[in-house]
Amino acid sequence: MPPRLEPPSADAIALLEPFERLLMDRITLCATGDQARRAREELLRAGAWGFDTESKPTFVRDEVSDGPHTLQLATPERGYVFQLHDADCRAEAGALMAVPGIVKAGFGLGDDLRRIVRKLGVVPVGVLELNTVFRARGYRRDMGVKAAVAVLFNQRFAKSKKASTSNWASPRLTESQLVYAANDAWAALRVYQALGAPQP
C-alpha cells in the first residue's frame, strides 16, 4: 500500500521559484471555425494534450452557468484557447474532445466534462484526471495544478485570482485571461509528462 502523502501547503509553495509560463507568442486564440480548424491540424500532431475549461462565474444563488465559455488545449509547444460563442468553433472544439487515441489530461475535470457534454454535445474520450494518478501514488487529497507543479518541479505555479473570476463569456478576452487559460492547460500537460505519461 502506498504511503499517505500530503500536498505542500500554500505557504510552502509561495517560497518556491516561479514555474515557466507560456506568453502570448505561444498562445493561439480560436474564435472562428477557420481558426479552430487550423489549430486542429497542429493539435493532431501531438500524442497528448493538457486540457481545461473556463466559465463565467455565477454570483447569484440558484443561477445556472451556461459555460464552458472557453476550452483550452495545450501541446508542449503551444496553448490553444477556443472561445465557444461561434457555432463552427464549438463544433470543432467538440470534435477535438472526441478524438480517440490522444490523452486529454487535466485537474478537477468532473464539472468540466459535464458542461462539455451539455454544451458541445459530445462525450470526451481519452480524458485523464491527474488527481487519480496522485491518489494512486499515495496523496490523500486532490492536488490541483499548483500543488502538483510544486511536488514535481519544486516550483510555484502562479494563478491570478482576478483572471480566474473574470468574465469568460466576454466576446473579447484580455491578454491576462488568455495567458491564465492557456497556462492552466499547459501546466497540466507538463505534469502529465513528468508523471511518465500515464494512460486513462
N, C-alpha and C. Protein backbone atom coordinates (compact mmCIF):
# COMPACT_ATOMS: atom_id res chain seq x y z
N MET A 1 0.86 -1.19 0.00
CA MET A 1 0.00 0.00 0.00
C MET A 1 0.89 1.24 0.00
N PRO A 2 0.58 2.25 -0.90
CA PRO A 2 1.45 3.43 -0.96
C PRO A 2 1.35 4.26 0.31
N PRO A 3 2.40 5.03 0.63
CA PRO A 3 2.34 5.87 1.82
C PRO A 3 1.28 6.95 1.67
N ARG A 4 0.76 7.44 2.79
CA ARG A 4 -0.22 8.53 2.76
C ARG A 4 0.53 9.86 2.76
N LEU A 5 0.42 10.58 1.67
CA LEU A 5 1.18 11.81 1.48
C LEU A 5 0.25 13.02 1.49
N GLU A 6 0.81 14.16 1.89
CA GLU A 6 0.05 15.40 1.90
C GLU A 6 0.64 16.36 0.86
N PRO A 7 -0.22 17.08 0.13
CA PRO A 7 0.30 18.10 -0.78
C PRO A 7 0.99 19.20 0.02
N PRO A 8 1.91 19.93 -0.59
CA PRO A 8 2.56 21.03 0.12
C PRO A 8 1.55 22.13 0.45
N SER A 9 1.82 22.87 1.52
CA SER A 9 0.93 23.95 1.93
C SER A 9 1.09 25.15 1.01
N ALA A 10 0.10 26.04 1.04
CA ALA A 10 0.18 27.27 0.25
C ALA A 10 1.39 28.11 0.67
N ASP A 11 1.68 28.13 1.96
CA ASP A 11 2.84 28.90 2.45
C ASP A 11 4.14 28.33 1.90
N ALA A 12 4.24 27.00 1.87
CA ALA A 12 5.46 26.37 1.35
C ALA A 12 5.61 26.64 -0.15
N ILE A 13 4.50 26.58 -0.88
CA ILE A 13 4.55 26.82 -2.33
C ILE A 13 4.96 28.26 -2.61
N ALA A 14 4.50 29.20 -1.78
CA ALA A 14 4.79 30.62 -2.01
C ALA A 14 6.28 30.93 -1.95
N LEU A 15 7.08 30.07 -1.31
CA LEU A 15 8.51 30.30 -1.18
C LEU A 15 9.31 29.80 -2.38
N LEU A 16 8.66 29.08 -3.30
CA LEU A 16 9.38 28.45 -4.41
C LEU A 16 9.62 29.44 -5.55
N GLU A 17 10.59 29.11 -6.37
CA GLU A 17 10.85 29.89 -7.58
C GLU A 17 9.70 29.70 -8.57
N PRO A 18 9.41 30.70 -9.42
CA PRO A 18 8.26 30.59 -10.33
C PRO A 18 8.47 29.55 -11.42
N PHE A 19 7.38 28.93 -11.79
CA PHE A 19 7.32 27.97 -12.90
C PHE A 19 7.22 28.74 -14.21
N GLU A 20 7.83 28.20 -15.26
CA GLU A 20 7.77 28.82 -16.58
C GLU A 20 6.32 28.98 -17.04
N ARG A 21 6.06 30.06 -17.79
CA ARG A 21 4.72 30.27 -18.34
C ARG A 21 4.79 30.45 -19.85
N LEU A 22 3.70 30.06 -20.52
CA LEU A 22 3.53 30.45 -21.91
C LEU A 22 3.18 31.92 -21.96
N LEU A 23 3.82 32.65 -22.87
CA LEU A 23 3.45 34.04 -23.12
C LEU A 23 2.68 34.12 -24.43
N MET A 24 2.24 35.30 -24.81
CA MET A 24 1.31 35.43 -25.92
C MET A 24 1.87 34.91 -27.25
N ASP A 25 3.19 34.90 -27.40
CA ASP A 25 3.75 34.41 -28.66
C ASP A 25 3.60 32.90 -28.82
N ARG A 26 3.17 32.22 -27.75
CA ARG A 26 2.96 30.77 -27.82
C ARG A 26 1.52 30.40 -27.47
N ILE A 27 0.61 31.36 -27.63
CA ILE A 27 -0.81 31.15 -27.35
C ILE A 27 -1.62 31.49 -28.60
N THR A 28 -2.50 30.59 -28.97
CA THR A 28 -3.36 30.79 -30.14
C THR A 28 -4.81 30.92 -29.68
N LEU A 29 -5.45 32.01 -30.05
CA LEU A 29 -6.87 32.20 -29.78
C LEU A 29 -7.66 31.71 -30.98
N CYS A 30 -8.66 30.88 -30.70
CA CYS A 30 -9.54 30.36 -31.76
C CYS A 30 -10.96 30.82 -31.45
N ALA A 31 -11.46 31.75 -32.27
CA ALA A 31 -12.81 32.28 -32.06
C ALA A 31 -13.73 31.97 -33.23
N THR A 32 -13.18 31.44 -34.33
CA THR A 32 -13.98 31.11 -35.51
C THR A 32 -13.70 29.67 -35.93
N GLY A 33 -14.55 29.15 -36.79
CA GLY A 33 -14.34 27.80 -37.29
C GLY A 33 -13.03 27.66 -38.03
N ASP A 34 -12.68 28.66 -38.86
CA ASP A 34 -11.43 28.59 -39.63
C ASP A 34 -10.22 28.56 -38.70
N GLN A 35 -10.24 29.41 -37.66
CA GLN A 35 -9.12 29.40 -36.71
C GLN A 35 -9.04 28.07 -35.98
N ALA A 36 -10.18 27.52 -35.62
CA ALA A 36 -10.20 26.24 -34.91
C ALA A 36 -9.71 25.10 -35.79
N ARG A 37 -10.04 25.14 -37.08
CA ARG A 37 -9.58 24.08 -37.99
C ARG A 37 -8.06 24.13 -38.16
N ARG A 38 -7.51 25.34 -38.22
CA ARG A 38 -6.04 25.45 -38.32
C ARG A 38 -5.39 24.91 -37.04
N ALA A 39 -5.97 25.24 -35.91
CA ALA A 39 -5.43 24.73 -34.64
C ALA A 39 -5.53 23.21 -34.58
N ARG A 40 -6.62 22.66 -35.09
CA ARG A 40 -6.82 21.21 -35.07
C ARG A 40 -5.67 20.50 -35.78
N GLU A 41 -5.25 21.04 -36.93
CA GLU A 41 -4.15 20.41 -37.68
C GLU A 41 -2.89 20.35 -36.83
N GLU A 42 -2.61 21.41 -36.08
CA GLU A 42 -1.43 21.43 -35.22
C GLU A 42 -1.60 20.49 -34.02
N LEU A 43 -2.76 20.51 -33.41
CA LEU A 43 -3.01 19.69 -32.23
C LEU A 43 -2.91 18.21 -32.54
N LEU A 44 -3.38 17.80 -33.70
CA LEU A 44 -3.41 16.37 -34.02
C LEU A 44 -2.01 15.78 -34.22
N ARG A 45 -0.98 16.63 -34.25
CA ARG A 45 0.39 16.11 -34.35
C ARG A 45 0.92 15.66 -32.99
N ALA A 46 0.22 16.01 -31.92
CA ALA A 46 0.67 15.66 -30.57
C ALA A 46 -0.05 14.40 -30.08
N GLY A 47 0.61 13.66 -29.19
CA GLY A 47 0.02 12.44 -28.64
C GLY A 47 -0.77 12.64 -27.37
N ALA A 48 -0.65 13.85 -26.79
CA ALA A 48 -1.39 14.17 -25.55
C ALA A 48 -1.58 15.67 -25.48
N TRP A 49 -2.67 16.08 -24.86
CA TRP A 49 -2.95 17.49 -24.66
C TRP A 49 -3.23 17.77 -23.19
N GLY A 50 -2.77 18.92 -22.72
CA GLY A 50 -3.31 19.44 -21.48
C GLY A 50 -4.70 19.98 -21.77
N PHE A 51 -5.58 19.93 -20.78
CA PHE A 51 -6.99 20.22 -21.02
C PHE A 51 -7.58 20.96 -19.82
N ASP A 52 -8.37 22.00 -20.10
CA ASP A 52 -9.09 22.72 -19.06
C ASP A 52 -10.20 23.53 -19.73
N THR A 53 -11.11 24.06 -18.92
CA THR A 53 -12.14 24.96 -19.43
C THR A 53 -12.26 26.14 -18.47
N GLU A 54 -12.90 27.19 -18.95
CA GLU A 54 -13.26 28.32 -18.09
C GLU A 54 -14.71 28.69 -18.35
N SER A 55 -15.40 29.08 -17.28
CA SER A 55 -16.78 29.51 -17.38
C SER A 55 -16.94 30.82 -16.62
N LYS A 56 -17.83 31.67 -17.11
CA LYS A 56 -18.15 32.90 -16.40
C LYS A 56 -18.67 32.54 -15.01
N PRO A 57 -18.12 33.16 -13.96
CA PRO A 57 -18.59 32.83 -12.61
C PRO A 57 -20.06 33.20 -12.42
N THR A 58 -20.72 32.47 -11.55
CA THR A 58 -22.10 32.82 -11.16
C THR A 58 -22.06 33.36 -9.74
N PHE A 59 -22.73 34.46 -9.53
CA PHE A 59 -22.68 35.12 -8.23
C PHE A 59 -24.05 35.17 -7.55
N VAL A 60 -25.09 34.76 -8.25
CA VAL A 60 -26.44 34.81 -7.71
C VAL A 60 -26.88 33.40 -7.35
N ARG A 61 -27.50 33.26 -6.18
CA ARG A 61 -27.96 31.96 -5.74
C ARG A 61 -28.92 31.34 -6.76
N ASP A 62 -28.72 30.06 -7.03
CA ASP A 62 -29.53 29.27 -7.97
C ASP A 62 -29.30 29.65 -9.43
N GLU A 63 -28.36 30.57 -9.70
CA GLU A 63 -28.04 30.89 -11.09
C GLU A 63 -27.29 29.71 -11.70
N VAL A 64 -27.71 29.30 -12.90
CA VAL A 64 -27.10 28.17 -13.58
C VAL A 64 -26.15 28.68 -14.65
N SER A 65 -24.92 28.19 -14.63
CA SER A 65 -23.93 28.61 -15.62
C SER A 65 -24.27 28.01 -16.98
N ASP A 66 -24.07 28.81 -18.05
CA ASP A 66 -24.22 28.26 -19.40
C ASP A 66 -22.84 27.99 -20.02
N GLY A 67 -21.85 27.83 -19.15
CA GLY A 67 -20.49 27.52 -19.61
C GLY A 67 -20.37 26.07 -20.03
N PRO A 68 -19.20 25.66 -20.50
CA PRO A 68 -17.98 26.48 -20.52
C PRO A 68 -18.03 27.53 -21.62
N HIS A 69 -17.30 28.60 -21.38
CA HIS A 69 -17.20 29.66 -22.37
C HIS A 69 -15.88 29.58 -23.14
N THR A 70 -14.89 28.92 -22.55
CA THR A 70 -13.66 28.62 -23.29
C THR A 70 -13.25 27.18 -23.03
N LEU A 71 -12.60 26.61 -24.01
CA LEU A 71 -11.95 25.30 -23.89
C LEU A 71 -10.49 25.52 -24.19
N GLN A 72 -9.61 25.02 -23.31
CA GLN A 72 -8.18 25.18 -23.54
C GLN A 72 -7.53 23.81 -23.75
N LEU A 73 -6.72 23.73 -24.78
CA LEU A 73 -5.91 22.54 -25.05
C LEU A 73 -4.47 23.00 -25.24
N ALA A 74 -3.53 22.16 -24.84
CA ALA A 74 -2.12 22.55 -24.95
C ALA A 74 -1.27 21.39 -25.41
N THR A 75 -0.32 21.70 -26.27
CA THR A 75 0.76 20.79 -26.66
C THR A 75 2.02 21.27 -25.94
N PRO A 76 3.12 20.54 -26.04
CA PRO A 76 4.35 21.05 -25.40
C PRO A 76 4.78 22.42 -25.93
N GLU A 77 4.40 22.75 -27.15
CA GLU A 77 4.86 23.99 -27.77
C GLU A 77 3.91 25.16 -27.59
N ARG A 78 2.58 24.89 -27.54
CA ARG A 78 1.61 25.99 -27.59
C ARG A 78 0.38 25.70 -26.74
N GLY A 79 -0.30 26.78 -26.38
CA GLY A 79 -1.61 26.69 -25.76
C GLY A 79 -2.65 27.24 -26.72
N TYR A 80 -3.81 26.60 -26.78
CA TYR A 80 -4.90 26.98 -27.68
C TYR A 80 -6.14 27.28 -26.84
N VAL A 81 -6.68 28.47 -27.01
CA VAL A 81 -7.87 28.87 -26.27
C VAL A 81 -9.02 29.00 -27.27
N PHE A 82 -10.00 28.12 -27.14
CA PHE A 82 -11.16 28.12 -28.02
C PHE A 82 -12.30 28.88 -27.34
N GLN A 83 -12.74 29.98 -27.95
CA GLN A 83 -13.94 30.65 -27.47
C GLN A 83 -15.16 29.95 -28.08
N LEU A 84 -16.17 29.73 -27.27
CA LEU A 84 -17.26 28.85 -27.70
C LEU A 84 -18.54 29.60 -28.05
N HIS A 85 -18.43 30.87 -28.44
CA HIS A 85 -19.61 31.63 -28.89
C HIS A 85 -20.05 31.19 -30.28
N ASP A 86 -19.08 31.00 -31.16
CA ASP A 86 -19.33 30.72 -32.57
C ASP A 86 -19.68 29.24 -32.77
N ALA A 87 -20.75 28.96 -33.50
CA ALA A 87 -21.21 27.58 -33.67
C ALA A 87 -20.16 26.70 -34.35
N ASP A 88 -19.48 27.23 -35.37
CA ASP A 88 -18.45 26.45 -36.07
C ASP A 88 -17.28 26.14 -35.14
N CYS A 89 -16.88 27.13 -34.34
CA CYS A 89 -15.78 26.91 -33.41
C CYS A 89 -16.18 25.89 -32.35
N ARG A 90 -17.43 25.97 -31.86
CA ARG A 90 -17.92 24.98 -30.90
C ARG A 90 -17.87 23.58 -31.49
N ALA A 91 -18.29 23.45 -32.75
CA ALA A 91 -18.30 22.13 -33.39
C ALA A 91 -16.89 21.57 -33.50
N GLU A 92 -15.94 22.42 -33.87
CA GLU A 92 -14.55 21.96 -33.98
C GLU A 92 -13.99 21.57 -32.61
N ALA A 93 -14.30 22.36 -31.59
CA ALA A 93 -13.83 22.05 -30.24
C ALA A 93 -14.42 20.73 -29.76
N GLY A 94 -15.70 20.52 -30.03
CA GLY A 94 -16.32 19.26 -29.65
C GLY A 94 -15.70 18.08 -30.36
N ALA A 95 -15.41 18.25 -31.65
CA ALA A 95 -14.79 17.16 -32.40
C ALA A 95 -13.41 16.82 -31.84
N LEU A 96 -12.67 17.82 -31.41
CA LEU A 96 -11.35 17.56 -30.82
C LEU A 96 -11.47 16.74 -29.54
N MET A 97 -12.46 17.06 -28.72
CA MET A 97 -12.63 16.32 -27.47
C MET A 97 -13.05 14.87 -27.70
N ALA A 98 -13.57 14.58 -28.89
CA ALA A 98 -13.99 13.22 -29.21
C ALA A 98 -12.94 12.45 -29.99
N VAL A 99 -11.77 13.06 -30.25
CA VAL A 99 -10.72 12.37 -31.00
C VAL A 99 -10.17 11.22 -30.16
N PRO A 100 -10.19 9.99 -30.69
CA PRO A 100 -9.62 8.87 -29.93
C PRO A 100 -8.10 8.84 -30.04
N GLY A 101 -7.46 8.17 -29.09
CA GLY A 101 -6.03 7.94 -29.17
C GLY A 101 -5.16 9.08 -28.72
N ILE A 102 -5.74 10.19 -28.29
CA ILE A 102 -4.98 11.31 -27.76
C ILE A 102 -5.44 11.56 -26.32
N VAL A 103 -4.51 11.50 -25.38
CA VAL A 103 -4.83 11.73 -23.98
C VAL A 103 -5.11 13.21 -23.75
N LYS A 104 -6.18 13.50 -23.00
CA LYS A 104 -6.52 14.87 -22.62
C LYS A 104 -6.43 14.93 -21.09
N ALA A 105 -5.35 15.52 -20.58
CA ALA A 105 -5.02 15.45 -19.16
C ALA A 105 -5.28 16.77 -18.46
N GLY A 106 -5.90 16.69 -17.27
CA GLY A 106 -6.15 17.90 -16.51
C GLY A 106 -6.52 17.59 -15.07
N PHE A 107 -6.87 18.64 -14.34
CA PHE A 107 -7.21 18.53 -12.92
C PHE A 107 -8.66 18.95 -12.67
N GLY A 108 -9.33 18.24 -11.76
CA GLY A 108 -10.67 18.64 -11.36
C GLY A 108 -11.64 18.72 -12.51
N LEU A 109 -11.69 17.65 -13.31
CA LEU A 109 -12.40 17.70 -14.59
C LEU A 109 -13.86 17.28 -14.53
N GLY A 110 -14.34 16.85 -13.36
CA GLY A 110 -15.71 16.34 -13.31
C GLY A 110 -16.74 17.34 -13.81
N ASP A 111 -16.67 18.57 -13.31
CA ASP A 111 -17.63 19.59 -13.73
C ASP A 111 -17.38 19.99 -15.18
N ASP A 112 -16.11 20.08 -15.57
CA ASP A 112 -15.77 20.43 -16.95
C ASP A 112 -16.41 19.44 -17.93
N LEU A 113 -16.31 18.15 -17.62
CA LEU A 113 -16.82 17.13 -18.53
C LEU A 113 -18.34 17.20 -18.63
N ARG A 114 -19.02 17.39 -17.51
CA ARG A 114 -20.49 17.50 -17.55
C ARG A 114 -20.91 18.70 -18.40
N ARG A 115 -20.21 19.81 -18.25
CA ARG A 115 -20.57 21.01 -19.02
C ARG A 115 -20.27 20.82 -20.51
N ILE A 116 -19.18 20.14 -20.82
CA ILE A 116 -18.85 19.89 -22.22
C ILE A 116 -19.92 19.03 -22.89
N VAL A 117 -20.36 17.98 -22.19
CA VAL A 117 -21.41 17.13 -22.75
C VAL A 117 -22.65 17.97 -23.03
N ARG A 118 -23.02 18.83 -22.09
CA ARG A 118 -24.23 19.65 -22.25
C ARG A 118 -24.07 20.70 -23.35
N LYS A 119 -22.91 21.36 -23.41
CA LYS A 119 -22.76 22.49 -24.34
C LYS A 119 -22.30 22.06 -25.73
N LEU A 120 -21.39 21.09 -25.79
CA LEU A 120 -20.83 20.70 -27.08
C LEU A 120 -21.48 19.45 -27.66
N GLY A 121 -22.26 18.75 -26.85
CA GLY A 121 -22.99 17.59 -27.37
C GLY A 121 -22.11 16.40 -27.68
N VAL A 122 -20.95 16.32 -27.03
CA VAL A 122 -20.05 15.16 -27.23
C VAL A 122 -19.63 14.63 -25.87
N VAL A 123 -19.32 13.35 -25.85
CA VAL A 123 -18.74 12.74 -24.66
C VAL A 123 -17.23 12.66 -24.88
N PRO A 124 -16.44 13.43 -24.14
CA PRO A 124 -14.99 13.40 -24.36
C PRO A 124 -14.40 12.01 -24.14
N VAL A 125 -13.41 11.67 -24.95
CA VAL A 125 -12.73 10.38 -24.83
C VAL A 125 -11.25 10.62 -24.53
N GLY A 126 -10.64 9.63 -23.87
CA GLY A 126 -9.21 9.73 -23.57
C GLY A 126 -8.87 10.72 -22.48
N VAL A 127 -9.84 11.04 -21.62
CA VAL A 127 -9.62 12.04 -20.58
C VAL A 127 -8.93 11.39 -19.37
N LEU A 128 -7.90 12.04 -18.88
CA LEU A 128 -7.17 11.57 -17.70
C LEU A 128 -7.25 12.62 -16.61
N GLU A 129 -7.93 12.28 -15.51
CA GLU A 129 -7.98 13.13 -14.32
C GLU A 129 -6.67 12.91 -13.55
N LEU A 130 -5.81 13.91 -13.54
CA LEU A 130 -4.49 13.75 -12.94
C LEU A 130 -4.55 13.52 -11.44
N ASN A 131 -5.60 13.99 -10.79
CA ASN A 131 -5.73 13.72 -9.35
C ASN A 131 -5.78 12.23 -9.06
N THR A 132 -6.36 11.43 -9.97
CA THR A 132 -6.42 9.99 -9.73
C THR A 132 -5.03 9.37 -9.75
N VAL A 133 -4.13 9.93 -10.56
CA VAL A 133 -2.76 9.43 -10.60
C VAL A 133 -2.06 9.72 -9.27
N PHE A 134 -2.24 10.93 -8.76
CA PHE A 134 -1.62 11.27 -7.49
C PHE A 134 -2.21 10.46 -6.33
N ARG A 135 -3.52 10.21 -6.37
CA ARG A 135 -4.11 9.38 -5.32
C ARG A 135 -3.53 7.98 -5.34
N ALA A 136 -3.32 7.44 -6.53
CA ALA A 136 -2.74 6.10 -6.64
C ALA A 136 -1.31 6.08 -6.12
N ARG A 137 -0.67 7.24 -6.07
CA ARG A 137 0.71 7.33 -5.59
C ARG A 137 0.78 7.74 -4.12
N GLY A 138 -0.39 7.81 -3.46
CA GLY A 138 -0.38 8.00 -2.02
C GLY A 138 -0.86 9.33 -1.50
N TYR A 139 -1.23 10.27 -2.37
CA TYR A 139 -1.71 11.56 -1.89
C TYR A 139 -3.17 11.45 -1.49
N ARG A 140 -3.48 11.87 -0.28
CA ARG A 140 -4.81 11.63 0.28
C ARG A 140 -5.83 12.66 -0.15
N ARG A 141 -5.38 13.81 -0.63
CA ARG A 141 -6.30 14.85 -1.07
C ARG A 141 -6.00 15.23 -2.51
N ASP A 142 -7.00 15.84 -3.17
CA ASP A 142 -6.77 16.31 -4.53
C ASP A 142 -5.62 17.30 -4.55
N MET A 143 -4.81 17.18 -5.59
CA MET A 143 -3.62 18.03 -5.68
C MET A 143 -3.93 19.39 -6.29
N GLY A 144 -4.50 19.38 -7.47
CA GLY A 144 -4.60 20.62 -8.22
C GLY A 144 -3.27 20.95 -8.87
N VAL A 145 -3.31 21.82 -9.85
CA VAL A 145 -2.11 22.08 -10.64
C VAL A 145 -1.02 22.76 -9.83
N LYS A 146 -1.37 23.65 -8.88
CA LYS A 146 -0.34 24.36 -8.11
C LYS A 146 0.47 23.40 -7.25
N ALA A 147 -0.23 22.51 -6.54
CA ALA A 147 0.49 21.56 -5.68
C ALA A 147 1.27 20.57 -6.52
N ALA A 148 0.71 20.14 -7.64
CA ALA A 148 1.40 19.17 -8.50
C ALA A 148 2.70 19.75 -9.05
N VAL A 149 2.66 20.99 -9.49
CA VAL A 149 3.88 21.65 -10.00
C VAL A 149 4.91 21.77 -8.88
N ALA A 150 4.46 22.09 -7.68
CA ALA A 150 5.39 22.20 -6.55
C ALA A 150 6.05 20.86 -6.25
N VAL A 151 5.27 19.78 -6.27
CA VAL A 151 5.81 18.45 -5.96
C VAL A 151 6.77 17.97 -7.04
N LEU A 152 6.39 18.13 -8.30
CA LEU A 152 7.17 17.54 -9.39
C LEU A 152 8.33 18.42 -9.87
N PHE A 153 8.17 19.74 -9.78
CA PHE A 153 9.18 20.65 -10.31
C PHE A 153 9.84 21.51 -9.23
N ASN A 154 9.32 21.44 -8.00
CA ASN A 154 9.80 22.30 -6.91
C ASN A 154 9.73 23.77 -7.33
N GLN A 155 8.63 24.13 -7.99
CA GLN A 155 8.42 25.50 -8.45
C GLN A 155 6.99 25.93 -8.15
N ARG A 156 6.76 27.24 -8.24
CA ARG A 156 5.46 27.83 -7.89
C ARG A 156 4.72 28.20 -9.16
N PHE A 157 3.53 27.61 -9.34
CA PHE A 157 2.67 27.94 -10.48
C PHE A 157 1.73 29.07 -10.06
N ALA A 158 1.91 30.23 -10.67
CA ALA A 158 1.13 31.41 -10.29
C ALA A 158 -0.22 31.40 -11.00
N LYS A 159 -1.28 31.65 -10.24
CA LYS A 159 -2.62 31.77 -10.79
C LYS A 159 -3.23 33.09 -10.32
N SER A 160 -3.71 33.88 -11.26
CA SER A 160 -4.29 35.17 -10.94
C SER A 160 -5.74 35.02 -10.48
N LYS A 161 -6.02 35.43 -9.25
CA LYS A 161 -7.39 35.39 -8.75
C LYS A 161 -8.30 36.28 -9.58
N LYS A 162 -7.77 37.44 -9.98
CA LYS A 162 -8.57 38.38 -10.79
C LYS A 162 -8.97 37.74 -12.11
N ALA A 163 -8.03 37.05 -12.76
CA ALA A 163 -8.35 36.41 -14.03
C ALA A 163 -9.32 35.25 -13.83
N SER A 164 -9.13 34.49 -12.77
CA SER A 164 -9.96 33.30 -12.56
C SER A 164 -11.43 33.65 -12.38
N THR A 165 -11.71 34.82 -11.79
CA THR A 165 -13.10 35.23 -11.55
C THR A 165 -13.58 36.27 -12.54
N SER A 166 -12.88 36.40 -13.67
CA SER A 166 -13.25 37.40 -14.67
C SER A 166 -14.37 36.88 -15.56
N ASN A 167 -14.82 37.71 -16.48
CA ASN A 167 -15.94 37.36 -17.35
C ASN A 167 -15.45 36.57 -18.56
N TRP A 168 -15.51 35.26 -18.45
CA TRP A 168 -15.05 34.39 -19.54
C TRP A 168 -16.03 34.34 -20.70
N ALA A 169 -17.22 34.89 -20.51
CA ALA A 169 -18.21 34.95 -21.60
C ALA A 169 -18.02 36.18 -22.48
N SER A 170 -17.07 37.04 -22.13
CA SER A 170 -16.84 38.26 -22.92
C SER A 170 -16.43 37.90 -24.34
N PRO A 171 -16.95 38.62 -25.35
CA PRO A 171 -16.55 38.34 -26.73
C PRO A 171 -15.07 38.62 -26.98
N ARG A 172 -14.48 39.51 -26.18
CA ARG A 172 -13.06 39.85 -26.35
C ARG A 172 -12.33 39.54 -25.04
N LEU A 173 -11.55 38.50 -25.05
CA LEU A 173 -10.78 38.14 -23.87
C LEU A 173 -9.53 39.01 -23.78
N THR A 174 -9.13 39.34 -22.57
CA THR A 174 -7.93 40.15 -22.38
C THR A 174 -6.69 39.26 -22.48
N GLU A 175 -5.55 39.91 -22.60
CA GLU A 175 -4.29 39.16 -22.64
C GLU A 175 -4.10 38.38 -21.34
N SER A 176 -4.45 38.97 -20.21
CA SER A 176 -4.27 38.26 -18.94
C SER A 176 -5.18 37.03 -18.87
N GLN A 177 -6.38 37.11 -19.43
CA GLN A 177 -7.27 35.95 -19.48
C GLN A 177 -6.67 34.85 -20.36
N LEU A 178 -6.16 35.22 -21.51
CA LEU A 178 -5.59 34.23 -22.42
C LEU A 178 -4.37 33.55 -21.82
N VAL A 179 -3.52 34.32 -21.16
CA VAL A 179 -2.33 33.74 -20.52
C VAL A 179 -2.75 32.80 -19.38
N TYR A 180 -3.71 33.22 -18.59
CA TYR A 180 -4.20 32.39 -17.49
C TYR A 180 -4.78 31.08 -18.03
N ALA A 181 -5.66 31.18 -19.01
CA ALA A 181 -6.36 29.99 -19.52
C ALA A 181 -5.40 29.02 -20.19
N ALA A 182 -4.54 29.53 -21.05
CA ALA A 182 -3.62 28.66 -21.78
C ALA A 182 -2.66 27.96 -20.83
N ASN A 183 -2.20 28.66 -19.80
CA ASN A 183 -1.22 28.08 -18.90
C ASN A 183 -1.81 27.01 -17.99
N ASP A 184 -3.09 27.11 -17.66
CA ASP A 184 -3.71 26.04 -16.90
C ASP A 184 -3.62 24.71 -17.66
N ALA A 185 -3.91 24.76 -18.95
CA ALA A 185 -3.85 23.54 -19.75
C ALA A 185 -2.40 23.10 -19.97
N TRP A 186 -1.51 24.07 -20.21
CA TRP A 186 -0.11 23.72 -20.49
C TRP A 186 0.57 23.12 -19.27
N ALA A 187 0.30 23.69 -18.10
CA ALA A 187 0.89 23.15 -16.88
C ALA A 187 0.39 21.73 -16.62
N ALA A 188 -0.88 21.47 -16.91
CA ALA A 188 -1.41 20.12 -16.76
C ALA A 188 -0.67 19.14 -17.67
N LEU A 189 -0.36 19.56 -18.88
CA LEU A 189 0.40 18.70 -19.79
C LEU A 189 1.81 18.45 -19.25
N ARG A 190 2.45 19.49 -18.74
CA ARG A 190 3.79 19.33 -18.17
C ARG A 190 3.77 18.35 -17.00
N VAL A 191 2.75 18.42 -16.17
CA VAL A 191 2.61 17.48 -15.06
C VAL A 191 2.42 16.07 -15.58
N TYR A 192 1.56 15.93 -16.58
CA TYR A 192 1.32 14.62 -17.20
C TYR A 192 2.63 14.01 -17.70
N GLN A 193 3.43 14.81 -18.37
CA GLN A 193 4.71 14.32 -18.89
C GLN A 193 5.64 13.94 -17.76
N ALA A 194 5.70 14.75 -16.70
CA ALA A 194 6.59 14.48 -15.58
C ALA A 194 6.18 13.22 -14.81
N LEU A 195 4.91 12.87 -14.87
CA LEU A 195 4.41 11.66 -14.23
C LEU A 195 4.72 10.40 -15.04
N GLY A 196 5.31 10.58 -16.22
CA GLY A 196 5.63 9.43 -17.05
C GLY A 196 4.56 9.09 -18.06
N ALA A 197 3.72 10.07 -18.41
CA ALA A 197 2.66 9.90 -19.41
C ALA A 197 1.75 8.71 -19.12
N PRO A 198 1.10 8.68 -17.93
CA PRO A 198 0.17 7.59 -17.63
C PRO A 198 -1.03 7.62 -18.57
N GLN A 199 -1.67 6.47 -18.73
CA GLN A 199 -2.84 6.39 -19.61
C GLN A 199 -4.13 6.45 -18.80
N PRO A 200 -5.21 6.90 -19.42
CA PRO A 200 -6.50 6.97 -18.72
C PRO A 200 -6.96 5.59 -18.28
